[in-house]
Amino acid sequence: MSEGMTREKLRMLKRIMLLVAEGLELSAQLQFLDQQNLILSLENKALKQRLDCLVHEHLVKCLQHETLGQEVARLQTLYHRQQQQQQQQPPPTHRRSKSRDLDSQFANLSLKGNESSSGPGQLHI
């Protein structure tokens, strides 16, 4: 073989080796990027699930807020009706006796066995 052909073969062999090395480097980079993509996909899935949970919690809280608001309105209406009814009713003429009034009423009670219409030991008020 001629020296020119040998040089050409060496040059081509070097070129092949460079391309193989470049291919190996690109393959390693691609593998790294695939792993990064997988990691990011898993993180994205977890974030979407968390977002779904937060949306659900928000919906529940909105419904609770609405329900509590309705209950507040109902109770306010009931309170105002009771206030109106109390204002429309005349004040009671007979008030509850205080405990000392009750004591005096009990002191006036007696066992009367002397009366002819009653039997012995009967209570009379």
C-alpha atoms as a PDB file:
ATOM      1  CA  MET A   1       0.000   0.000   0.000  1.00  0.00           C
ATOM      2  CA  SER A   2       1.053   3.443  -0.606  1.00  0.00           C
ATOM      3  CA  GLU A   3       1.860   5.875   2.046  1.00  0.00           C
ATOM      4  CA  GLY A   4      -1.033   8.118   0.979  1.00  0.00           C
ATOM      5  CA  MET A   5      -3.536   5.330   1.469  1.00  0.00           C
ATOM      6  CA  THR A   6      -2.180   4.533   4.868  1.00  0.00           C
ATOM      7  CA  ARG A   7      -2.497   8.153   5.886  1.00  0.00           C
ATOM      8  CA  GLU A   8      -6.034   8.260   4.566  1.00  0.00           C
ATOM      9  CA  LYS A   9      -6.922   5.126   6.512  1.00  0.00           C
ATOM     10  CA  LEU A  10      -5.404   6.583   9.672  1.00  0.00           C
ATOM     11  CA  ARG A  11      -7.270   9.818   9.161  1.00  0.00           C
ATOM     12  CA  MET A  12     -10.510   7.908   8.627  1.00  0.00           C
ATOM     13  CA  LEU A  13      -9.802   5.719  11.644  1.00  0.00           C
ATOM     14  CA  LYS A  14      -9.234   8.833  13.778  1.00  0.00           C
ATOM     15  CA  ARG A  15     -12.452  10.311  12.405  1.00  0.00           C
ATOM     16  CA  ILE A  16     -14.331   7.108  13.263  1.00  0.00           C
ATOM     17  CA  MET A  17     -12.883   7.088  16.774  1.00  0.00           C
ATOM     18  CA  LEU A  18     -13.890  10.736  17.231  1.00  0.00           C
ATOM     19  CA  LEU A  19     -17.410  10.004  16.011  1.00  0.00           C
ATOM     20  CA  VAL A  20     -17.665   6.976  18.340  1.00  0.00           C
ATOM     21  CA  ALA A  21     -16.454   9.071  21.291  1.00  0.00           C
ATOM     22  CA  GLU A  22     -18.897  11.830  20.374  1.00  0.00           C
ATOM     23  CA  GLY A  23     -21.681   9.237  20.062  1.00  0.00           C
ATOM     24  CA  LEU A  24     -20.834   7.830  23.502  1.00  0.00           C
ATOM     25  CA  GLU A  25     -20.889  11.329  25.007  1.00  0.00           C
ATOM     26  CA  LEU A  26     -24.205  12.130  23.349  1.00  0.00           C
ATOM     27  CA  SER A  27     -25.595   8.775  24.496  1.00  0.00           C
ATOM     28  CA  ALA A  28     -24.596   9.566  28.102  1.00  0.00           C
ATOM     29  CA  GLN A  29     -26.150  13.017  27.825  1.00  0.00           C
ATOM     30  CA  LEU A  30     -29.334  11.532  26.362  1.00  0.00           C
ATOM     31  CA  GLN A  31     -29.513   8.986  29.172  1.00  0.00           C
ATOM     32  CA  PHE A  32     -29.059  11.783  31.741  1.00  0.00           C
ATOM     33  CA  LEU A  33     -31.763  13.879  30.062  1.00  0.00           C
ATOM     34  CA  ASP A  34     -34.103  10.854  29.981  1.00  0.00           C
ATOM     35  CA  GLN A  35     -33.590  10.402  33.733  1.00  0.00           C
ATOM     36  CA  GLN A  36     -34.198  14.109  34.318  1.00  0.00           C
ATOM     37  CA  ASN A  37     -37.345  13.898  32.203  1.00  0.00           C
ATOM     38  CA  LEU A  38     -38.577  10.920  34.231  1.00  0.00           C
ATOM     39  CA  ILE A  39     -37.898  12.746  37.508  1.00  0.00           C
ATOM     40  CA  LEU A  40     -39.664  15.866  36.278  1.00  0.00           C
ATOM     41  CA  SER A  41     -42.605  13.804  35.030  1.00  0.00           C
ATOM     42  CA  LEU A  42     -42.981  12.176  38.454  1.00  0.00           C
ATOM     43  CA  GLU A  43     -42.744  15.552  40.195  1.00  0.00           C
ATOM     44  CA  ASN A  44     -45.296  16.972  37.769  1.00  0.00           C
ATOM     45  CA  LYS A  45     -47.671  14.082  38.474  1.00  0.00           C
ATOM     46  CA  ALA A  46     -47.275  14.597  42.243  1.00  0.00           C
ATOM     47  CA  LEU A  47     -47.917  18.336  41.863  1.00  0.00           C
ATOM     48  CA  LYS A  48     -51.030  17.684  39.776  1.00  0.00           C
ATOM     49  CA  GLN A  49     -52.332  15.298  42.439  1.00  0.00           C
ATOM     50  CA  ARG A  50     -51.637  17.881  45.138  1.00  0.00           C
ATOM     51  CA  LEU A  51     -53.397  20.523  43.063  1.00  0.00           C
ATOM     52  CA  ASP A  52     -56.402  18.211  42.657  1.00  0.00           C
ATOM     53  CA  CYS A  53     -56.481  17.737  46.450  1.00  0.00           C
ATOM     54  CA  LEU A  54     -56.286  21.481  47.023  1.00  0.00           C
ATOM     55  CA  VAL A  55     -59.076  22.112  44.520  1.00  0.00           C
ATOM     56  CA  HIS A  56     -61.218  19.496  46.281  1.00  0.00           C
ATOM     57  CA  GLU A  57     -60.455  21.000  49.717  1.00  0.00           C
ATOM     58  CA  HIS A  58     -61.286  24.461  48.384  1.00  0.00           C
ATOM     59  CA  LEU A  59     -64.600  23.194  47.008  1.00  0.00           C
ATOM     60  CA  VAL A  60     -65.456  21.584  50.350  1.00  0.00           C
ATOM     61  CA  LYS A  61     -64.566  24.795  52.205  1.00  0.00           C
ATOM     62  CA  CYS A  62     -66.679  26.864  49.804  1.00  0.00           C
ATOM     63  CA  LEU A  63     -69.640  24.556  50.350  1.00  0.00           C
ATOM     64  CA  GLN A  64     -69.127  24.699  54.131  1.00  0.00           C
ATOM     65  CA  HIS A  65     -68.915  28.488  53.964  1.00  0.00           C
ATOM     66  CA  GLU A  66     -72.119  28.647  51.942  1.00  0.00           C
ATOM     67  CA  THR A  67     -73.898  26.264  54.320  1.00  0.00           C
ATOM     68  CA  LEU A  68     -72.716  28.189  57.368  1.00  0.00           C
ATOM     69  CA  GLY A  69     -73.807  31.448  55.743  1.00  0.00           C
ATOM     70  CA  GLN A  70     -77.273  30.008  55.180  1.00  0.00           C
ATOM     71  CA  GLU A  71     -77.388  28.806  58.788  1.00  0.00           C
ATOM     72  CA  VAL A  72     -76.360  32.276  60.030  1.00  0.00           C
ATOM     73  CA  ALA A  73     -79.130  33.843  57.932  1.00  0.00           C
ATOM     74  CA  ARG A  74     -81.649  31.308  59.250  1.00  0.00           C
ATOM     75  CA  LEU A  75     -80.641  31.949  62.856  1.00  0.00           C
ATOM     76  CA  GLN A  76     -80.734  35.725  62.360  1.00  0.00           C
ATOM     77  CA  THR A  77     -84.241  35.449  60.902  1.00  0.00           C
ATOM     78  CA  LEU A  78     -85.330  33.284  63.810  1.00  0.00           C
ATOM     79  CA  TYR A  79     -83.805  35.715  66.304  1.00  0.00           C
ATOM     80  CA  HIS A  80     -85.538  38.712  64.692  1.00  0.00           C
ATOM     81  CA  ARG A  81     -88.893  36.871  64.684  1.00  0.00           C
ATOM     82  CA  GLN A  82     -88.495  36.100  68.377  1.00  0.00           C
ATOM     83  CA  GLN A  83     -87.612  39.722  69.088  1.00  0.00           C
ATOM     84  CA  GLN A  84     -90.723  40.887  67.200  1.00  0.00           C
ATOM     85  CA  GLN A  85     -92.925  38.376  69.027  1.00  0.00           C
ATOM     86  CA  GLN A  86     -91.561  39.513  72.386  1.00  0.00           C
ATOM     87  CA  GLN A  87     -92.237  43.148  71.497  1.00  0.00           C
ATOM     88  CA  GLN A  88     -95.796  42.360  70.364  1.00  0.00           C
ATOM     89  CA  GLN A  89     -96.738  40.350  73.464  1.00  0.00           C
ATOM     90  CA  PRO A  90     -97.879  42.313  76.535  1.00  0.00           C
ATOM     91  CA  PRO A  91     -95.635  41.875  79.535  1.00  0.00           C
ATOM     92  CA  PRO A  92     -96.841  39.102  81.827  1.00  0.00           C
ATOM     93  CA  THR A  93     -98.809  40.348  84.853  1.00  0.00           C
ATOM     94  CA  HIS A  94     -97.876  37.443  87.073  1.00  0.00           C
ATOM     95  CA  ARG A  95     -94.181  37.178  87.575  1.00  0.00           C
ATOM     96  CA  ARG A  96     -92.362  34.318  89.157  1.00  0.00           C
ATOM     97  CA  SER A  97     -92.179  34.490  92.906  1.00  0.00           C
ATOM     98  CA  LYS A  98     -88.798  34.878  94.440  1.00  0.00           C
ATOM     99  CA  SER A  99     -87.553  32.211  96.793  1.00  0.00           C
ATOM    100  CA  ARG A 100     -88.435  34.194  99.939  1.00  0.00           C
ATOM    101  CA  ASP A 101     -91.997  34.633  98.605  1.00  0.00           C
ATOM    102  CA  LEU A 102     -92.157  30.890  98.193  1.00  0.00           C
ATOM    103  CA  ASP A 103     -90.875  30.474 101.722  1.00  0.00           C
ATOM    104  CA  SER A 104     -93.646  32.670 103.061  1.00  0.00           C
ATOM    105  CA  GLN A 105     -96.241  30.779 101.025  1.00  0.00           C
ATOM    106  CA  PHE A 106     -94.993  27.482 102.423  1.00  0.00           C
ATOM    107  CA  ALA A 107     -95.125  28.944 105.973  1.00  0.00           C
ATOM    108  CA  ASN A 108     -98.826  29.690 105.459  1.00  0.00           C
ATOM    109  CA  LEU A 109     -99.512  26.043 104.674  1.00  0.00           C
ATOM    110  CA  SER A 110    -100.793  24.061 107.595  1.00  0.00           C
ATOM    111  CA  LEU A 111    -102.120  20.678 108.488  1.00  0.00           C
ATOM    112  CA  LYS A 112    -105.675  21.206 109.621  1.00  0.00           C
ATOM    113  CA  GLY A 113    -107.198  18.254 111.355  1.00  0.00           C
ATOM    114  CA  ASN A 114    -109.879  20.205 113.210  1.00  0.00           C
ATOM    115  CA  GLU A 115    -112.270  20.867 110.349  1.00  0.00           C
ATOM    116  CA  SER A 116    -115.149  18.467 109.991  1.00  0.00           C
ATOM    117  CA  SER A 117    -114.991  18.130 106.219  1.00  0.00           C
ATOM    118  CA  SER A 118    -111.415  17.042 106.212  1.00  0.00           C
ATOM    119  CA  GLY A 119    -109.810  13.957 107.549  1.00  0.00           C
ATOM    120  CA  PRO A 120    -106.875  13.972 109.929  1.00  0.00           C
ATOM    121  CA  GLY A 121    -103.499  14.686 108.362  1.00  0.00           C
ATOM    122  CA  GLN A 122    -104.793  16.266 105.131  1.00  0.00           C
ATOM    123  CA  LEU A 123    -103.040  19.269 103.681  1.00  0.00           C
ATOM    124  CA  HIS A 124    -105.010  22.520 103.261  1.00  0.00           C
ATOM    125  CA  ILE A 125    -103.916  25.605 101.447  1.00  0.00           C
END
